[in-house]
Amino acid sequence: MKTTSIILSIFLPLVGFTQIGGNNVYDFLSIPVSPRSAALGGSAMAINDGDISLANENPALFSSATDGKLAVEYINYISDINFGYTSYSKHYDKIGTIGLGIQYFNGGTFIEADEYGYKYGNFSTSEFALNLSYAKALDSSFTIGATFKPIYSQLAQYNSFGLAMDVGGAYTSENRLFTASLLFKNMGAQITSYIDETAPLPFDIQAGIATKLEHAPFRFSIVAHNLQKPKLSYTQTNWVEPGNMEIDNEVEKDATILQDVMNHMIFGVEFTPTKTFFIRGGYNFMRRKELALEEKPGMTGFSWGFGFKIKRLHFSYANVKYHPSSVSNHMAITTNINDFFN
């Protein structure tokens, strides 16, 4: 019976999510498409300053400040894997804020072969999600929002359909310098399977805070991700002790309590010396712990980015180090359509 490399195409996007990946479908939903979010370590769901790219990740961040904004985002991921996202937001005073977006994933081309190594040709993979968002301000400080996401996935000759939803809430202080958010991401189910069995979606509970200094051009953010799973560390069995060439099946490398806590943490900082230029950096503890090489860890787990504004256009870029041998590049252009008509 002919078998394909389709499993490889499912797991490749999980390289940045290590031990919390591998058992889910539609894991492209976990990749941050926003350069700002990517530069800040992988999530910036608590920054509320009218950035539509962040509102695409946390619907509670849609507001009157995102009215008329259009974003086009692109990710040159690992190898020939590519992501893209286009979104638009419209605010209505008596109704709330509505967001519309479409996200795509192109997994590239793979060799189709059987278990004996005989090649039959090539196959490709692609996945899409339509984002329908709505947010409503409860008062001047609290906002809630939700995003409904129909999903279509095609892996070689196999296809699947699913439904997901994000639900979030955000509190922003009166001076707009502090925000705290809670997000339930990718709730839902795989409606139709590729072959026989269905699999869960990459569900993720996130909580975060962000604060901007009043008299200095810095903003700091801290996000805790995957709170639904207290232990994210991989327990390694069959550990080989130094100097011993034989495998000891009874020895385990287990994580400390501190590591279990830190595995959930993402740290980010922004430096904005002017209103038209910024620099950002982030650190993802789990990404570095799980993916860095012991001999040469390099910058694995770190990310950085910059951006600038020219007239009505805002350009953003992020560089993310998932592994010493791979770099992901994120780019985006955002603008406010209202500026062209006022």
Protein backbone atom coordinates (compact mmCIF):
# COMPACT_ATOMS: atom_id res chain seq x y z
CA MET A 1 0.00 0.00 0.00
CA LYS A 2 1.37 3.37 -1.02
CA THR A 3 2.06 5.77 1.84
CA THR A 4 2.96 9.43 1.65
CA SER A 5 4.95 11.93 3.65
CA ILE A 6 1.80 13.74 4.63
CA ILE A 7 2.57 13.36 8.34
CA LEU A 8 5.66 15.49 7.80
CA SER A 9 3.58 18.30 6.37
CA ILE A 10 1.40 18.29 9.46
CA PHE A 11 4.28 18.47 11.92
CA LEU A 12 6.58 20.96 10.21
CA PRO A 13 4.70 24.05 11.41
CA LEU A 14 5.07 22.84 14.99
CA VAL A 15 8.80 23.48 15.17
CA GLY A 16 8.24 26.59 17.26
CA PHE A 17 5.86 24.96 19.70
CA THR A 18 7.72 21.76 20.64
CA GLN A 19 6.07 19.60 23.27
CA ILE A 20 2.64 21.23 23.06
CA GLY A 21 2.42 20.31 19.38
CA GLY A 22 2.14 17.03 17.53
CA ASN A 23 -1.32 15.96 18.69
CA ASN A 24 -3.38 18.72 17.10
CA VAL A 25 -4.76 19.68 13.71
CA TYR A 26 -4.65 23.17 12.18
CA ASP A 27 -1.53 24.12 14.12
CA PHE A 28 -0.98 26.98 11.71
CA LEU A 29 -3.46 28.84 13.91
CA SER A 30 -0.80 28.94 16.64
CA ILE A 31 1.79 30.79 14.57
CA PRO A 32 1.76 34.56 15.26
CA VAL A 33 1.18 36.31 11.94
CA SER A 34 1.72 39.80 13.33
CA PRO A 35 5.35 41.00 13.12
CA ARG A 36 4.78 42.92 16.33
CA SER A 37 3.62 39.85 18.19
CA ALA A 38 6.42 37.74 16.70
CA ALA A 39 9.08 40.30 17.66
CA LEU A 40 7.78 40.38 21.24
CA GLY A 41 8.34 36.66 21.73
CA GLY A 42 5.29 35.10 20.09
CA SER A 43 2.35 36.82 21.77
CA ALA A 44 1.40 40.40 22.57
CA MET A 45 -2.27 39.86 23.40
CA ALA A 46 -2.29 42.53 26.15
CA ILE A 47 -1.16 45.61 24.19
CA ASN A 48 -4.16 47.82 23.50
CA ASP A 49 -3.16 50.77 21.31
CA GLY A 50 -5.27 50.35 18.19
CA ASP A 51 -3.02 47.88 16.37
CA ILE A 52 -5.28 45.76 14.16
CA SER A 53 -2.61 43.06 13.80
CA LEU A 54 -2.77 42.40 17.55
CA ALA A 55 -6.58 42.53 17.51
CA ASN A 56 -6.46 39.64 15.05
CA GLU A 57 -4.90 37.55 17.83
CA ASN A 58 -7.07 38.87 20.67
CA PRO A 59 -10.54 40.03 19.54
CA ALA A 60 -10.96 42.11 22.72
CA LEU A 61 -8.43 44.55 21.23
CA PHE A 62 -10.78 45.56 18.41
CA SER A 63 -12.15 49.02 19.21
CA SER A 64 -12.89 52.45 17.77
CA ALA A 65 -9.10 52.87 17.54
CA THR A 66 -8.96 50.11 14.87
CA ASP A 67 -11.76 51.63 12.77
CA GLY A 68 -10.90 51.65 9.08
CA LYS A 69 -7.54 49.94 9.51
CA LEU A 70 -6.31 47.47 6.91
CA ALA A 71 -3.40 45.07 7.46
CA VAL A 72 -1.54 42.85 4.99
CA GLU A 73 0.89 40.45 6.69
CA TYR A 74 3.30 37.86 5.31
CA ILE A 75 5.60 35.29 6.93
CA ASN A 76 8.53 33.64 5.19
CA TYR A 77 8.67 30.75 7.64
CA ILE A 78 11.10 27.84 7.69
CA SER A 79 12.22 26.37 4.36
CA ASP A 80 9.53 27.09 1.72
CA ILE A 81 6.64 27.39 4.20
CA ASN A 82 4.69 30.64 3.93
CA PHE A 83 1.89 32.31 5.87
CA GLY A 84 -0.28 35.29 5.06
CA TYR A 85 -3.05 37.32 6.64
CA THR A 86 -5.25 40.18 5.44
CA SER A 87 -7.72 41.93 7.73
CA TYR A 88 -9.97 44.97 8.02
CA SER A 89 -11.89 46.55 10.90
CA LYS A 90 -14.96 48.77 11.08
CA HIS A 91 -16.40 50.43 14.19
CA TYR A 92 -20.04 51.38 14.80
CA ASP A 93 -20.82 53.49 17.85
CA LYS A 94 -24.11 51.77 18.72
CA ILE A 95 -23.11 48.25 17.71
CA GLY A 96 -19.44 47.69 18.41
CA THR A 97 -16.42 46.85 16.29
CA ILE A 98 -16.43 44.27 13.50
CA GLY A 99 -13.32 42.64 12.06
CA LEU A 100 -12.92 40.55 8.92
CA GLY A 101 -9.79 38.61 8.00
CA ILE A 102 -8.50 35.67 6.01
CA GLN A 103 -5.45 33.63 6.96
CA TYR A 104 -3.62 31.14 4.75
CA PHE A 105 -0.84 28.61 5.19
CA ASN A 106 1.22 27.17 2.33
CA GLY A 107 3.32 24.22 3.45
CA GLY A 108 5.36 23.99 0.25
CA THR A 109 6.01 20.94 -1.89
CA PHE A 110 6.88 17.48 -0.57
CA ILE A 111 8.06 14.23 -2.12
CA GLU A 112 5.48 11.45 -2.17
CA ALA A 113 7.07 8.06 -1.54
CA ASP A 114 6.25 4.63 -0.16
CA GLU A 115 7.93 2.74 2.66
CA TYR A 116 10.52 1.34 0.26
CA GLY A 117 11.66 4.76 -0.92
CA TYR A 118 9.97 4.59 -4.33
CA LYS A 119 8.94 8.08 -5.39
CA TYR A 120 5.56 8.71 -6.98
CA GLY A 121 5.87 12.45 -7.43
CA ASN A 122 5.20 15.54 -5.34
CA PHE A 123 2.31 16.87 -3.29
CA SER A 124 1.49 20.19 -1.65
CA THR A 125 -0.35 21.40 1.45
CA SER A 126 -2.49 24.45 2.15
CA GLU A 127 -4.81 25.62 4.90
CA PHE A 128 -7.17 28.58 5.24
CA ALA A 129 -9.13 30.25 8.03
CA LEU A 130 -11.77 32.96 7.71
CA ASN A 131 -11.86 35.25 10.77
CA LEU A 132 -15.13 36.96 11.70
CA SER A 133 -14.61 39.14 14.77
CA TYR A 134 -16.80 41.25 17.03
CA ALA A 135 -15.86 43.36 20.05
CA LYS A 136 -17.92 45.49 22.41
CA ALA A 137 -16.79 47.99 25.04
CA LEU A 138 -18.63 47.41 28.32
CA ASP A 139 -17.41 50.75 29.65
CA SER A 140 -14.37 52.99 29.27
CA SER A 141 -12.05 50.31 30.66
CA PHE A 142 -13.42 46.85 29.85
CA THR A 143 -13.84 45.28 26.40
CA ILE A 144 -14.86 41.78 25.36
CA GLY A 145 -14.56 40.20 21.95
CA ALA A 146 -14.89 36.97 19.99
CA THR A 147 -13.64 35.62 16.66
CA PHE A 148 -15.39 32.84 14.76
CA LYS A 149 -13.06 30.88 12.44
CA PRO A 150 -14.21 28.39 9.78
CA ILE A 151 -11.15 26.38 8.69
CA TYR A 152 -10.36 24.43 5.52
CA SER A 153 -7.26 22.24 5.23
CA GLN A 154 -5.89 20.26 2.29
CA LEU A 155 -2.93 17.90 2.69
CA ALA A 156 -2.15 16.15 -0.59
CA GLN A 157 -5.42 14.46 -1.68
CA TYR A 158 -6.87 14.65 1.82
CA ASN A 159 -8.98 17.52 3.15
CA SER A 160 -10.65 18.54 6.38
CA PHE A 161 -13.05 21.18 7.67
CA GLY A 162 -13.17 22.61 11.18
CA LEU A 163 -14.57 25.41 13.32
CA ALA A 164 -12.71 27.41 15.95
CA MET A 165 -13.42 30.39 18.18
CA ASP A 166 -11.34 32.88 20.18
CA VAL A 167 -12.87 34.69 23.15
CA GLY A 168 -11.04 37.44 24.99
CA GLY A 169 -11.41 40.22 27.49
CA ALA A 170 -9.26 43.28 28.17
CA TYR A 171 -8.99 45.89 30.89
CA THR A 172 -7.23 49.18 30.08
CA SER A 173 -6.50 51.87 32.63
CA GLU A 174 -7.89 55.37 32.19
CA ASN A 175 -4.49 56.79 31.23
CA ARG A 176 -4.12 53.99 28.61
CA LEU A 177 -0.71 53.02 29.98
CA PHE A 178 -1.66 49.62 31.43
CA THR A 179 -3.63 46.70 29.98
CA ALA A 180 -4.46 43.25 31.32
CA SER A 181 -6.01 40.60 29.06
CA LEU A 182 -7.36 37.07 29.20
CA LEU A 183 -7.74 34.99 26.04
CA PHE A 184 -9.24 31.58 25.25
CA LYS A 185 -7.76 30.74 21.87
CA ASN A 186 -8.72 28.10 19.28
CA MET A 187 -11.70 26.55 21.03
CA GLY A 188 -13.53 24.27 18.64
CA ALA A 189 -13.41 20.97 16.80
CA GLN A 190 -12.42 19.24 13.60
CA ILE A 191 -15.74 18.61 11.85
CA THR A 192 -14.52 16.35 9.04
CA SER A 193 -11.34 14.28 9.27
CA TYR A 194 -8.62 13.68 6.69
CA ILE A 195 -9.12 9.92 6.77
CA ASP A 196 -10.80 8.24 9.76
CA GLU A 197 -10.13 9.90 13.11
CA THR A 198 -10.46 13.51 14.21
CA ALA A 199 -7.96 15.35 16.40
CA PRO A 200 -8.20 18.32 18.81
CA LEU A 201 -7.39 21.91 17.90
CA PRO A 202 -4.41 23.77 19.42
CA PHE A 203 -6.40 25.19 22.33
CA ASP A 204 -4.50 27.80 24.33
CA ILE A 205 -5.41 29.86 27.40
CA GLN A 206 -3.34 33.04 27.65
CA ALA A 207 -3.14 35.81 30.23
CA GLY A 208 -0.98 38.88 29.92
CA ILE A 209 -0.19 42.40 31.01
CA ALA A 210 1.45 45.31 29.24
CA THR A 211 2.53 48.65 30.62
CA LYS A 212 3.96 51.74 28.98
CA LEU A 213 6.17 54.07 30.99
CA GLU A 214 4.66 57.53 31.29
CA HIS A 215 7.88 59.50 30.97
CA ALA A 216 10.10 57.12 29.00
CA PRO A 217 9.73 55.57 25.50
CA PHE A 218 9.42 51.97 26.71
CA ARG A 219 6.59 49.44 26.88
CA PHE A 220 6.95 46.06 28.61
CA SER A 221 4.75 43.01 28.13
CA ILE A 222 4.50 39.65 29.89
CA VAL A 223 2.30 36.83 28.56
CA ALA A 224 1.63 33.43 30.09
CA HIS A 225 0.56 30.89 27.45
CA ASN A 226 -0.93 27.39 27.53
CA LEU A 227 -2.24 27.81 31.05
CA GLN A 228 -4.60 24.88 30.47
CA LYS A 229 -1.58 22.57 30.75
CA PRO A 230 0.51 23.16 33.91
CA LYS A 231 3.47 21.00 32.82
CA LEU A 232 4.78 21.76 29.35
CA SER A 233 8.17 20.13 29.77
CA TYR A 234 9.12 16.93 28.07
CA THR A 235 10.09 14.10 30.40
CA GLN A 236 13.05 12.38 28.78
CA THR A 237 13.39 8.63 29.31
CA ASN A 238 16.13 6.38 27.91
CA TRP A 239 18.68 8.96 29.12
CA VAL A 240 22.33 8.22 28.40
CA GLU A 241 24.56 9.16 31.34
CA PRO A 242 27.87 10.85 30.47
CA GLY A 243 30.60 8.24 29.97
CA ASN A 244 28.04 5.44 29.74
CA MET A 245 27.26 4.25 26.20
CA GLU A 246 24.37 2.07 27.35
CA ILE A 247 20.82 3.40 27.61
CA ASP A 248 19.36 3.39 31.11
CA ASN A 249 15.59 2.98 30.80
CA GLU A 250 15.04 3.91 34.45
CA VAL A 251 16.68 7.35 34.35
CA GLU A 252 14.50 10.39 33.61
CA LYS A 253 15.35 14.03 33.06
CA ASP A 254 12.49 15.91 34.67
CA ALA A 255 11.92 19.65 34.84
CA THR A 256 12.18 21.70 38.00
CA ILE A 257 9.22 23.64 39.35
CA LEU A 258 10.86 26.87 38.24
CA GLN A 259 11.24 25.56 34.69
CA ASP A 260 7.60 24.44 34.65
CA VAL A 261 6.58 27.99 35.54
CA MET A 262 8.97 29.70 33.14
CA ASN A 263 7.94 27.46 30.24
CA HIS A 264 4.69 29.43 30.16
CA MET A 265 6.33 32.85 30.03
CA ILE A 266 6.96 35.23 27.12
CA PHE A 267 8.69 38.56 27.71
CA GLY A 268 8.73 41.55 25.37
CA VAL A 269 9.94 45.15 25.33
CA GLU A 270 9.37 48.03 22.90
CA PHE A 271 11.47 51.13 22.45
CA THR A 272 9.75 54.02 20.64
CA PRO A 273 12.10 57.03 20.49
CA THR A 274 9.76 58.80 18.03
CA LYS A 275 6.16 58.44 16.87
CA THR A 276 7.32 57.09 13.50
CA PHE A 277 10.01 54.57 14.50
CA PHE A 278 10.22 51.67 16.94
CA ILE A 279 12.46 48.74 17.94
CA ARG A 280 11.18 45.58 19.64
CA GLY A 281 12.62 42.50 21.28
CA GLY A 282 11.30 39.36 22.92
CA TYR A 283 12.29 36.20 24.73
CA ASN A 284 10.36 32.92 24.72
CA PHE A 285 11.68 30.73 27.53
CA MET A 286 10.16 27.44 26.35
CA ARG A 287 11.26 27.93 22.75
CA ARG A 288 14.87 28.34 23.86
CA LYS A 289 14.75 25.51 26.39
CA GLU A 290 13.28 22.99 23.96
CA LEU A 291 14.89 23.97 20.64
CA ALA A 292 18.35 25.35 21.41
CA LEU A 293 21.39 23.12 20.93
CA GLU A 294 23.30 22.54 24.16
CA GLU A 295 26.67 23.13 22.50
CA LYS A 296 25.66 26.19 20.47
CA PRO A 297 22.34 27.65 21.67
CA GLY A 298 22.97 30.93 19.86
CA MET A 299 19.97 33.26 19.76
CA THR A 300 17.33 30.53 19.78
CA GLY A 301 14.28 31.75 21.69
CA PHE A 302 15.06 35.41 21.07
CA SER A 303 13.27 37.63 18.57
CA TRP A 304 13.53 41.23 17.44
CA GLY A 305 11.89 43.64 15.07
CA PHE A 306 11.60 47.21 13.92
CA GLY A 307 9.16 49.41 12.09
CA PHE A 308 8.57 52.86 10.71
CA LYS A 309 5.77 55.01 9.43
CA ILE A 310 5.84 56.94 6.17
CA LYS A 311 2.83 59.18 5.64
CA ARG A 312 -0.22 56.88 5.69
CA LEU A 313 1.68 53.58 5.61
CA HIS A 314 3.10 51.70 8.58
CA PHE A 315 5.79 49.06 7.88
CA SER A 316 6.76 46.34 10.37
CA TYR A 317 9.38 43.60 10.34
CA ALA A 318 10.30 40.81 12.77
CA ASN A 319 13.08 38.22 12.86
CA VAL A 320 12.42 35.09 14.94
CA LYS A 321 15.07 32.51 15.80
CA TYR A 322 13.42 29.11 16.26
CA HIS A 323 16.62 27.12 15.84
CA PRO A 324 20.31 27.81 15.11
CA SER A 325 19.73 26.65 11.54
CA SER A 326 16.45 28.46 10.85
CA VAL A 327 15.06 31.98 10.90
CA SER A 328 11.50 33.17 10.33
CA ASN A 329 10.87 36.58 8.74
CA HIS A 330 7.61 38.44 9.39
CA MET A 331 6.51 41.51 7.40
CA ALA A 332 3.42 43.70 7.41
CA ILE A 333 1.98 46.87 5.96
CA THR A 334 -0.91 48.57 7.73
CA THR A 335 -2.87 51.69 6.90
CA ASN A 336 -6.13 53.41 7.78
CA ILE A 337 -8.52 53.56 4.86
CA ASN A 338 -10.32 56.50 6.48
CA ASP A 339 -7.19 58.65 5.99
CA PHE A 340 -7.59 58.44 2.22
CA PHE A 341 -11.09 59.91 2.32
CA ASN A 342 -10.76 62.57 5.01
